[in-house]
Amino acid sequence: MAFVLDLGDGTGPEAGPLDVLVMGTDTRDGEGNERYGDDEDSSGSGLTDVMMLVHVEEDRGGVPVVSLPRDLVADIPRCTDPRTGEVHPAEEDA
């Protein structure tokens, strides 16, 4: 499915910078995907597979894009809430 996004010439009501979050879905079918869940996890309609944050500069002179892939996995270290003092344990593969 394709969408047309009219960014205009920068002088109309669409003037100014613009941020767009582009998301795609995928199922867990296929070799190697069992690490991320099984078919039941995707509920038949898929889960978020790709996220891209698109920034259209105010003068329309540039469009930087940051891709945040599904496979981005990071360990979260133990931390302490500075307001409550509650200690949250570390998490792996979060």
PDB file of N, CA and C in Angstrom:
ATOM      1  N   MET A   1       0.846  -1.155   0.000  1.00  0.00           N
ATOM      2  CA  MET A   1       0.000   0.000   0.000  1.00  0.00           C
ATOM      3  C   MET A   1       0.902   1.231   0.000  1.00  0.00           C
ATOM      4  N   ALA A   2       0.592   2.219  -0.798  1.00  0.00           N
ATOM      5  CA  ALA A   2       1.385   3.442  -0.880  1.00  0.00           C
ATOM      6  C   ALA A   2       0.516   4.637  -0.522  1.00  0.00           C
ATOM      7  N   PHE A   3       1.127   5.601   0.122  1.00  0.00           N
ATOM      8  CA  PHE A   3       0.445   6.833   0.468  1.00  0.00           C
ATOM      9  C   PHE A   3       1.203   7.990  -0.163  1.00  0.00           C
ATOM     10  N   VAL A   4       0.477   8.985  -0.628  1.00  0.00           N
ATOM     11  CA  VAL A   4       1.098  10.183  -1.181  1.00  0.00           C
ATOM     12  C   VAL A   4       1.089  11.241  -0.095  1.00  0.00           C
ATOM     13  N   LEU A   5       2.237  11.828   0.167  1.00  0.00           N
ATOM     14  CA  LEU A   5       2.370  12.867   1.177  1.00  0.00           C
ATOM     15  C   LEU A   5       2.775  14.152   0.479  1.00  0.00           C
ATOM     16  N   ASP A   6       1.871  15.114   0.411  1.00  0.00           N
ATOM     17  CA  ASP A   6       2.146  16.389  -0.250  1.00  0.00           C
ATOM     18  C   ASP A   6       2.773  17.331   0.766  1.00  0.00           C
ATOM     19  N   LEU A   7       4.062  17.601   0.583  1.00  0.00           N
ATOM     20  CA  LEU A   7       4.782  18.474   1.511  1.00  0.00           C
ATOM     21  C   LEU A   7       4.683  19.935   1.125  1.00  0.00           C
ATOM     22  N   GLY A   8       4.075  20.210  -0.020  1.00  0.00           N
ATOM     23  CA  GLY A   8       3.915  21.587  -0.457  1.00  0.00           C
ATOM     24  C   GLY A   8       5.244  22.253  -0.739  1.00  0.00           C
ATOM     25  N   ASP A   9       5.189  23.568  -0.890  1.00  0.00           N
ATOM     26  CA  ASP A   9       6.402  24.328  -1.197  1.00  0.00           C
ATOM     27  C   ASP A   9       6.948  25.059   0.023  1.00  0.00           C
ATOM     28  N   GLY A  10       6.396  24.807   1.189  1.00  0.00           N
ATOM     29  CA  GLY A  10       6.877  25.422   2.421  1.00  0.00           C
ATOM     30  C   GLY A  10       6.221  26.741   2.748  1.00  0.00           C
ATOM     31  N   THR A  11       5.212  27.166   1.975  1.00  0.00           N
ATOM     32  CA  THR A  11       4.578  28.464   2.220  1.00  0.00           C
ATOM     33  C   THR A  11       3.128  28.344   2.661  1.00  0.00           C
ATOM     34  N   GLY A  12       2.512  27.188   2.506  1.00  0.00           N
ATOM     35  CA  GLY A  12       1.102  27.012   2.840  1.00  0.00           C
ATOM     36  C   GLY A  12       0.910  26.554   4.271  1.00  0.00           C
ATOM     37  N   PRO A  13      -0.293  26.054   4.577  1.00  0.00           N
ATOM     38  CA  PRO A  13      -0.581  25.613   5.947  1.00  0.00           C
ATOM     39  C   PRO A  13       0.285  24.439   6.382  1.00  0.00           C
ATOM     40  N   GLU A  14       0.908  23.749   5.437  1.00  0.00           N
ATOM     41  CA  GLU A  14       1.787  22.636   5.771  1.00  0.00           C
ATOM     42  C   GLU A  14       3.217  23.106   6.035  1.00  0.00           C
ATOM     43  N   ALA A  15       3.436  24.440   6.105  1.00  0.00           N
ATOM     44  CA  ALA A  15       4.771  24.984   6.333  1.00  0.00           C
ATOM     45  C   ALA A  15       5.300  24.548   7.697  1.00  0.00           C
ATOM     46  N   GLY A  16       6.611  24.548   7.830  1.00  0.00           N
ATOM     47  CA  GLY A  16       7.245  24.176   9.082  1.00  0.00           C
ATOM     48  C   GLY A  16       7.815  22.783   9.002  1.00  0.00           C
ATOM     49  N   PRO A  17       8.592  22.397   9.989  1.00  0.00           N
ATOM     50  CA  PRO A  17       9.159  21.047   9.989  1.00  0.00           C
ATOM     51  C   PRO A  17       8.057  20.012  10.186  1.00  0.00           C
ATOM     52  N   LEU A  18       8.344  18.796   9.759  1.00  0.00           N
ATOM     53  CA  LEU A  18       7.359  17.733   9.841  1.00  0.00           C
ATOM     54  C   LEU A  18       8.056  16.444  10.248  1.00  0.00           C
ATOM     55  N   ASP A  19       7.484  15.739  11.207  1.00  0.00           N
ATOM     56  CA  ASP A  19       7.994  14.434  11.619  1.00  0.00           C
ATOM     57  C   ASP A  19       6.945  13.382  11.284  1.00  0.00           C
ATOM     58  N   VAL A  20       7.400  12.289  10.658  1.00  0.00           N
ATOM     59  CA  VAL A  20       6.508  11.205  10.264  1.00  0.00           C
ATOM     60  C   VAL A  20       7.104   9.900  10.776  1.00  0.00           C
ATOM     61  N   LEU A  21       6.293   9.097  11.459  1.00  0.00           N
ATOM     62  CA  LEU A  21       6.720   7.779  11.907  1.00  0.00           C
ATOM     63  C   LEU A  21       6.157   6.763  10.919  1.00  0.00           C
ATOM     64  N   VAL A  22       7.047   6.037  10.239  1.00  0.00           N
ATOM     65  CA  VAL A  22       6.655   5.027   9.264  1.00  0.00           C
ATOM     66  C   VAL A  22       6.847   3.667   9.913  1.00  0.00           C
ATOM     67  N   MET A  23       5.799   2.843   9.895  1.00  0.00           N
ATOM     68  CA  MET A  23       5.879   1.527  10.533  1.00  0.00           C
ATOM     69  C   MET A  23       5.425   0.451   9.558  1.00  0.00           C
ATOM     70  N   GLY A  24       6.082  -0.698   9.618  1.00  0.00           N
ATOM     71  CA  GLY A  24       5.699  -1.853   8.818  1.00  0.00           C
ATOM     72  C   GLY A  24       5.505  -3.043   9.730  1.00  0.00           C
ATOM     73  N   THR A  25       4.770  -4.047   9.266  1.00  0.00           N
ATOM     74  CA  THR A  25       4.530  -5.229  10.073  1.00  0.00           C
ATOM     75  C   THR A  25       5.058  -6.476   9.389  1.00  0.00           C
ATOM     76  N   ASP A  26       5.274  -7.491  10.190  1.00  0.00           N
ATOM     77  CA  ASP A  26       5.772  -8.766   9.703  1.00  0.00           C
ATOM     78  C   ASP A  26       5.295  -9.846  10.665  1.00  0.00           C
ATOM     79  N   THR A  27       5.222 -11.070  10.183  1.00  0.00           N
ATOM     80  CA  THR A  27       4.908 -12.195  11.060  1.00  0.00           C
ATOM     81  C   THR A  27       6.222 -12.831  11.500  1.00  0.00           C
ATOM     82  N   ARG A  28       6.143 -13.827  12.332  1.00  0.00           N
ATOM     83  CA  ARG A  28       7.345 -14.513  12.805  1.00  0.00           C
ATOM     84  C   ARG A  28       7.632 -15.761  11.975  1.00  0.00           C
ATOM     85  N   ASP A  29       6.984 -15.892  10.819  1.00  0.00           N
ATOM     86  CA  ASP A  29       7.248 -17.014   9.927  1.00  0.00           C
ATOM     87  C   ASP A  29       8.673 -16.934   9.409  1.00  0.00           C
ATOM     88  N   GLY A  30       9.255 -18.076   9.107  1.00  0.00           N
ATOM     89  CA  GLY A  30      10.561 -18.083   8.466  1.00  0.00           C
ATOM     90  C   GLY A  30      11.677 -18.505   9.388  1.00  0.00           C
ATOM     91  N   GLU A  31      12.729 -18.984   8.775  1.00  0.00           N
ATOM     92  CA  GLU A  31      13.889 -19.493   9.493  1.00  0.00           C
ATOM     93  C   GLU A  31      14.588 -18.383  10.273  1.00  0.00           C
ATOM     94  N   GLY A  32      14.923 -18.669  11.525  1.00  0.00           N
ATOM     95  CA  GLY A  32      15.675 -17.738  12.354  1.00  0.00           C
ATOM     96  C   GLY A  32      14.828 -16.781  13.172  1.00  0.00           C
ATOM     97  N   ASN A  33      13.526 -16.725  12.917  1.00  0.00           N
ATOM     98  CA  ASN A  33      12.678 -15.781  13.635  1.00  0.00           C
ATOM     99  C   ASN A  33      12.155 -16.305  14.963  1.00  0.00           C
ATOM    100  N   GLU A  34      12.407 -17.585  15.285  1.00  0.00           N
ATOM    101  CA  GLU A  34      11.885 -18.142  16.529  1.00  0.00           C
ATOM    102  C   GLU A  34      12.451 -17.424  17.760  1.00  0.00           C
ATOM    103  N   ARG A  35      13.591 -16.773  17.621  1.00  0.00           N
ATOM    104  CA  ARG A  35      14.172 -16.035  18.745  1.00  0.00           C
ATOM    105  C   ARG A  35      13.257 -14.884  19.182  1.00  0.00           C
ATOM    106  N   TYR A  36      12.463 -14.381  18.239  1.00  0.00           N
ATOM    107  CA  TYR A  36      11.628 -13.208  18.510  1.00  0.00           C
ATOM    108  C   TYR A  36      10.178 -13.554  18.798  1.00  0.00           C
ATOM    109  N   GLY A  37       9.869 -14.832  18.894  1.00  0.00           N
ATOM    110  CA  GLY A  37       8.507 -15.253  19.178  1.00  0.00           C
ATOM    111  C   GLY A  37       8.042 -16.251  18.145  1.00  0.00           C
ATOM    112  N   ASP A  38       6.843 -16.766  18.337  1.00  0.00           N
ATOM    113  CA  ASP A  38       6.315 -17.731  17.379  1.00  0.00           C
ATOM    114  C   ASP A  38       5.121 -17.131  16.643  1.00  0.00           C
ATOM    115  N   ASP A  39       4.513 -17.953  15.772  1.00  0.00           N
ATOM    116  CA  ASP A  39       3.387 -17.477  14.975  1.00  0.00           C
ATOM    117  C   ASP A  39       2.248 -16.954  15.840  1.00  0.00           C
ATOM    118  N   GLU A  40       2.037 -17.574  17.005  1.00  0.00           N
ATOM    119  CA  GLU A  40       0.961 -17.133  17.883  1.00  0.00           C
ATOM    120  C   GLU A  40       1.212 -15.726  18.408  1.00  0.00           C
ATOM    121  N   ASP A  41       2.497 -15.357  18.586  1.00  0.00           N
ATOM    122  CA  ASP A  41       2.828 -14.012  19.071  1.00  0.00           C
ATOM    123  C   ASP A  41       2.413 -12.939  18.080  1.00  0.00           C
ATOM    124  N   SER A  42       2.376 -13.271  16.793  1.00  0.00           N
ATOM    125  CA  SER A  42       2.059 -12.257  15.797  1.00  0.00           C
ATOM    126  C   SER A  42       0.569 -12.178  15.489  1.00  0.00           C
ATOM    127  N   SER A  43      -0.247 -13.022  16.118  1.00  0.00           N
ATOM    128  CA  SER A  43      -1.710 -12.992  16.005  1.00  0.00           C
ATOM    129  C   SER A  43      -2.211 -12.983  14.569  1.00  0.00           C
ATOM    130  N   GLY A  44      -1.446 -13.531  13.637  1.00  0.00           N
ATOM    131  CA  GLY A  44      -1.888 -13.625  12.256  1.00  0.00           C
ATOM    132  C   GLY A  44      -1.771 -12.342  11.458  1.00  0.00           C
ATOM    133  N   SER A  45      -1.780 -11.197  12.108  1.00  0.00           N
ATOM    134  CA  SER A  45      -1.726  -9.929  11.382  1.00  0.00           C
ATOM    135  C   SER A  45      -0.340  -9.305  11.402  1.00  0.00           C
ATOM    136  N   GLY A  46       0.576  -9.896  12.115  1.00  0.00           N
ATOM    137  CA  GLY A  46       1.939  -9.387  12.156  1.00  0.00           C
ATOM    138  C   GLY A  46       2.190  -8.453  13.316  1.00  0.00           C
ATOM    139  N   LEU A  47       3.457  -8.236  13.584  1.00  0.00           N
ATOM    140  CA  LEU A  47       3.911  -7.311  14.618  1.00  0.00           C
ATOM    141  C   LEU A  47       4.787  -6.250  13.964  1.00  0.00           C
ATOM    142  N   THR A  48       5.058  -5.194  14.675  1.00  0.00           N
ATOM    143  CA  THR A  48       5.907  -4.142  14.136  1.00  0.00           C
ATOM    144  C   THR A  48       7.253  -4.724  13.740  1.00  0.00           C
ATOM    145  N   ASP A  49       7.636  -4.520  12.507  1.00  0.00           N
ATOM    146  CA  ASP A  49       8.883  -5.055  11.980  1.00  0.00           C
ATOM    147  C   ASP A  49       9.888  -3.940  11.745  1.00  0.00           C
ATOM    148  N   VAL A  50       9.453  -2.867  11.165  1.00  0.00           N
ATOM    149  CA  VAL A  50      10.335  -1.756  10.811  1.00  0.00           C
ATOM    150  C   VAL A  50       9.712  -0.464  11.313  1.00  0.00           C
ATOM    151  N   MET A  51      10.537   0.374  11.903  1.00  0.00           N
ATOM    152  CA  MET A  51      10.106   1.721  12.263  1.00  0.00           C
ATOM    153  C   MET A  51      11.139   2.693  11.724  1.00  0.00           C
ATOM    154  N   MET A  52      10.671   3.709  11.039  1.00  0.00           N
ATOM    155  CA  MET A  52      11.563   4.751  10.545  1.00  0.00           C
ATOM    156  C   MET A  52      10.980   6.098  10.960  1.00  0.00           C
ATOM    157  N   LEU A  53      11.815   6.922  11.554  1.00  0.00           N
ATOM    158  CA  LEU A  53      11.407   8.271  11.909  1.00  0.00           C
ATOM    159  C   LEU A  53      11.947   9.201  10.835  1.00  0.00           C
ATOM    160  N   VAL A  54      11.040   9.862  10.138  1.00  0.00           N
ATOM    161  CA  VAL A  54      11.387  10.744   9.025  1.00  0.00           C
ATOM    162  C   VAL A  54      11.187  12.180   9.486  1.00  0.00           C
ATOM    163  N   HIS A  55      12.199  13.022   9.312  1.00  0.00           N
ATOM    164  CA  HIS A  55      12.102  14.437   9.662  1.00  0.00           C
ATOM    165  C   HIS A  55      12.254  15.260   8.389  1.00  0.00           C
ATOM    166  N   VAL A  56      11.224  16.014   8.044  1.00  0.00           N
ATOM    167  CA  VAL A  56      11.277  16.899   6.887  1.00  0.00           C
ATOM    168  C   VAL A  56      11.633  18.282   7.406  1.00  0.00           C
ATOM    169  N   GLU A  57      12.773  18.798   6.962  1.00  0.00           N
ATOM    170  CA  GLU A  57      13.239  20.094   7.447  1.00  0.00           C
ATOM    171  C   GLU A  57      12.295  21.211   7.008  1.00  0.00           C
ATOM    172  N   GLU A  58      12.246  22.264   7.803  1.00  0.00           N
ATOM    173  CA  GLU A  58      11.330  23.370   7.546  1.00  0.00           C
ATOM    174  C   GLU A  58      11.492  23.955   6.151  1.00  0.00           C
ATOM    175  N   ASP A  59      12.735  24.099   5.690  1.00  0.00           N
ATOM    176  CA  ASP A  59      12.969  24.679   4.358  1.00  0.00           C
ATOM    177  C   ASP A  59      12.900  23.638   3.249  1.00  0.00           C
ATOM    178  N   ARG A  60      12.541  22.397   3.615  1.00  0.00           N
ATOM    179  CA  ARG A  60      12.442  21.272   2.682  1.00  0.00           C
ATOM    180  C   ARG A  60      13.778  20.962   2.012  1.00  0.00           C
ATOM    181  N   GLY A  61      14.872  21.411   2.632  1.00  0.00           N
ATOM    182  CA  GLY A  61      16.198  21.187   2.079  1.00  0.00           C
ATOM    183  C   GLY A  61      16.792  19.830   2.404  1.00  0.00           C
ATOM    184  N   GLY A  62      16.192  19.111   3.337  1.00  0.00           N
ATOM    185  CA  GLY A  62      16.703  17.795   3.702  1.00  0.00           C
ATOM    186  C   GLY A  62      15.636  16.968   4.383  1.00  0.00           C
ATOM    187  N   VAL A  63      15.815  15.651   4.287  1.00  0.00           N
ATOM    188  CA  VAL A  63      14.883  14.714   4.910  1.00  0.00           C
ATOM    189  C   VAL A  63      15.698  13.602   5.563  1.00  0.00           C
ATOM    190  N   PRO A  64      16.226  13.837   6.765  1.00  0.00           N
ATOM    191  CA  PRO A  64      16.949  12.763   7.452  1.00  0.00           C
ATOM    192  C   PRO A  64      15.982  11.688   7.940  1.00  0.00           C
ATOM    193  N   VAL A  65      16.444  10.434   7.902  1.00  0.00           N
ATOM    194  CA  VAL A  65      15.638   9.301   8.314  1.00  0.00           C
ATOM    195  C   VAL A  65      16.450   8.447   9.282  1.00  0.00           C
ATOM    196  N   VAL A  66      15.847   8.051  10.395  1.00  0.00           N
ATOM    197  CA  VAL A  66      16.471   7.145  11.348  1.00  0.00           C
ATOM    198  C   VAL A  66      15.664   5.854  11.343  1.00  0.00           C
ATOM    199  N   SER A  67      16.328   4.733  11.088  1.00  0.00           N
ATOM    200  CA  SER A  67      15.674   3.433  11.074  1.00  0.00           C
ATOM    201  C   SER A  67      15.886   2.739  12.410  1.00  0.00           C
ATOM    202  N   LEU A  68      14.803   2.224  12.992  1.00  0.00           N
ATOM    203  CA  LEU A  68      14.855   1.500  14.255  1.00  0.00           C
ATOM    204  C   LEU A  68      14.382   0.076  13.987  1.00  0.00           C
ATOM    205  N   PRO A  69      15.300  -0.836  13.681  1.00  0.00           N
ATOM    206  CA  PRO A  69      14.903  -2.190  13.281  1.00  0.00           C
ATOM    207  C   PRO A  69      14.338  -3.024  14.427  1.00  0.00           C
ATOM    208  N   ARG A  70      13.512  -3.998  14.060  1.00  0.00           N
ATOM    209  CA  ARG A  70      12.910  -4.912  15.032  1.00  0.00           C
ATOM    210  C   ARG A  70      13.977  -5.667  15.810  1.00  0.00           C
ATOM    211  N   ASP A  71      15.060  -5.968  15.148  1.00  0.00           N
ATOM    212  CA  ASP A  71      16.092  -6.805  15.754  1.00  0.00           C
ATOM    213  C   ASP A  71      17.011  -6.047  16.703  1.00  0.00           C
ATOM    214  N   LEU A  72      16.686  -4.812  16.990  1.00  0.00           N
ATOM    215  CA  LEU A  72      17.484  -4.015  17.909  1.00  0.00           C
ATOM    216  C   LEU A  72      17.173  -4.488  19.324  1.00  0.00           C
ATOM    217  N   VAL A  73      18.101  -5.236  19.913  1.00  0.00           N
ATOM    218  CA  VAL A  73      17.908  -5.802  21.242  1.00  0.00           C
ATOM    219  C   VAL A  73      19.019  -5.270  22.138  1.00  0.00           C
ATOM    220  N   ALA A  74      18.654  -4.812  23.317  1.00  0.00           N
ATOM    221  CA  ALA A  74      19.652  -4.255  24.222  1.00  0.00           C
ATOM    222  C   ALA A  74      19.389  -4.739  25.645  1.00  0.00           C
ATOM    223  N   ASP A  75      20.460  -4.958  26.391  1.00  0.00           N
ATOM    224  CA  ASP A  75      20.331  -5.285  27.809  1.00  0.00           C
ATOM    225  C   ASP A  75      20.094  -3.984  28.577  1.00  0.00           C
ATOM    226  N   ILE A  76      19.222  -4.038  29.577  1.00  0.00           N
ATOM    227  CA  ILE A  76      18.931  -2.863  30.394  1.00  0.00           C
ATOM    228  C   ILE A  76      19.606  -3.072  31.743  1.00  0.00           C
ATOM    229  N   PRO A  77      20.502  -2.152  32.150  1.00  0.00           N
ATOM    230  CA  PRO A  77      21.215  -2.334  33.427  1.00  0.00           C
ATOM    231  C   PRO A  77      20.309  -2.059  34.633  1.00  0.00           C
ATOM    232  N   ARG A  78      20.726  -2.556  35.792  1.00  0.00           N
ATOM    233  CA  ARG A  78      20.018  -2.275  37.042  1.00  0.00           C
ATOM    234  C   ARG A  78      20.042  -0.769  37.260  1.00  0.00           C
ATOM    235  N   CYS A  79      18.926  -0.226  37.755  1.00  0.00           N
ATOM    236  CA  CYS A  79      18.893   1.219  38.007  1.00  0.00           C
ATOM    237  C   CYS A  79      18.021   1.505  39.221  1.00  0.00           C
ATOM    238  N   THR A  80      18.230   2.689  39.783  1.00  0.00           N
ATOM    239  CA  THR A  80      17.488   3.119  40.957  1.00  0.00           C
ATOM    240  C   THR A  80      16.692   4.369  40.609  1.00  0.00           C
ATOM    241  N   ASP A  81      15.402   4.359  40.934  1.00  0.00           N
ATOM    242  CA  ASP A  81      14.555   5.521  40.697  1.00  0.00           C
ATOM    243  C   ASP A  81      15.000   6.620  41.658  1.00  0.00           C
ATOM    244  N   PRO A  82      15.429   7.782  41.140  1.00  0.00           N
ATOM    245  CA  PRO A  82      15.941   8.833  42.025  1.00  0.00           C
ATOM    246  C   PRO A  82      14.877   9.442  42.937  1.00  0.00           C
ATOM    247  N   ARG A  83      13.608   9.346  42.564  1.00  0.00           N
ATOM    248  CA  ARG A  83      12.547   9.920  43.389  1.00  0.00           C
ATOM    249  C   ARG A  83      12.104   8.984  44.501  1.00  0.00           C
ATOM    250  N   THR A  84      12.002   7.684  44.181  1.00  0.00           N
ATOM    251  CA  THR A  84      11.458   6.741  45.167  1.00  0.00           C
ATOM    252  C   THR A  84      12.520   5.866  45.816  1.00  0.00           C
ATOM    253  N   GLY A  85      13.690   5.768  45.196  1.00  0.00           N
ATOM    254  CA  GLY A  85      14.738   4.899  45.711  1.00  0.00           C
ATOM    255  C   GLY A  85      14.528   3.438  45.331  1.00  0.00           C
ATOM    256  N   GLU A  86      13.436   3.143  44.607  1.00  0.00           N
ATOM    257  CA  GLU A  86      13.159   1.765  44.196  1.00  0.00           C
ATOM    258  C   GLU A  86      14.227   1.286  43.220  1.00  0.00           C
ATOM    259  N   VAL A  87      14.739   0.076  43.483  1.00  0.00           N
ATOM    260  CA  VAL A  87      15.766  -0.508  42.622  1.00  0.00           C
ATOM    261  C   VAL A  87      15.092  -1.452  41.628  1.00  0.00           C
ATOM    262  N   HIS A  88      15.357  -1.219  40.341  1.00  0.00           N
ATOM    263  CA  HIS A  88      14.812  -2.064  39.280  1.00  0.00           C
ATOM    264  C   HIS A  88      15.929  -2.989  38.803  1.00  0.00           C
ATOM    265  N   PRO A  89      15.667  -4.304  38.770  1.00  0.00           N
ATOM    266  CA  PRO A  89      16.718  -5.245  38.378  1.00  0.00           C
ATOM    267  C   PRO A  89      17.062  -5.124  36.884  1.00  0.00           C
ATOM    268  N   ALA A  90      18.240  -5.602  36.561  1.00  0.00           N
ATOM    269  CA  ALA A  90      18.665  -5.619  35.150  1.00  0.00           C
ATOM    270  C   ALA A  90      17.777  -6.572  34.361  1.00  0.00           C
ATOM    271  N   GLU A  91      17.628  -6.300  33.067  1.00  0.00           N
ATOM    272  CA  GLU A  91      16.876  -7.177  32.167  1.00  0.00           C
ATOM    273  C   GLU A  91      17.730  -7.460  30.948  1.00  0.00           C
ATOM    274  N   GLU A  92      17.707  -8.719  30.521  1.00  0.00           N
ATOM    275  CA  GLU A  92      18.446  -9.102  29.335  1.00  0.00           C
ATOM    276  C   GLU A  92      17.502  -9.216  28.147  1.00  0.00           C
ATOM    277  N   ASP A  93      18.021  -8.922  26.963  1.00  0.00           N
ATOM    278  CA  ASP A  93      17.267  -9.063  25.717  1.00  0.00           C
ATOM    279  C   ASP A  93      15.953  -8.289  25.738  1.00  0.00           C
ATOM    280  N   ALA A  94      15.984  -7.099  26.287  1.00  0.00           N
ATOM    281  CA  ALA A  94      14.761  -6.280  26.356  1.00  0.00           C
ATOM    282  C   ALA A  94      14.559  -5.504  25.080  1.00  0.00           C
TER     283      ALA A  94
END
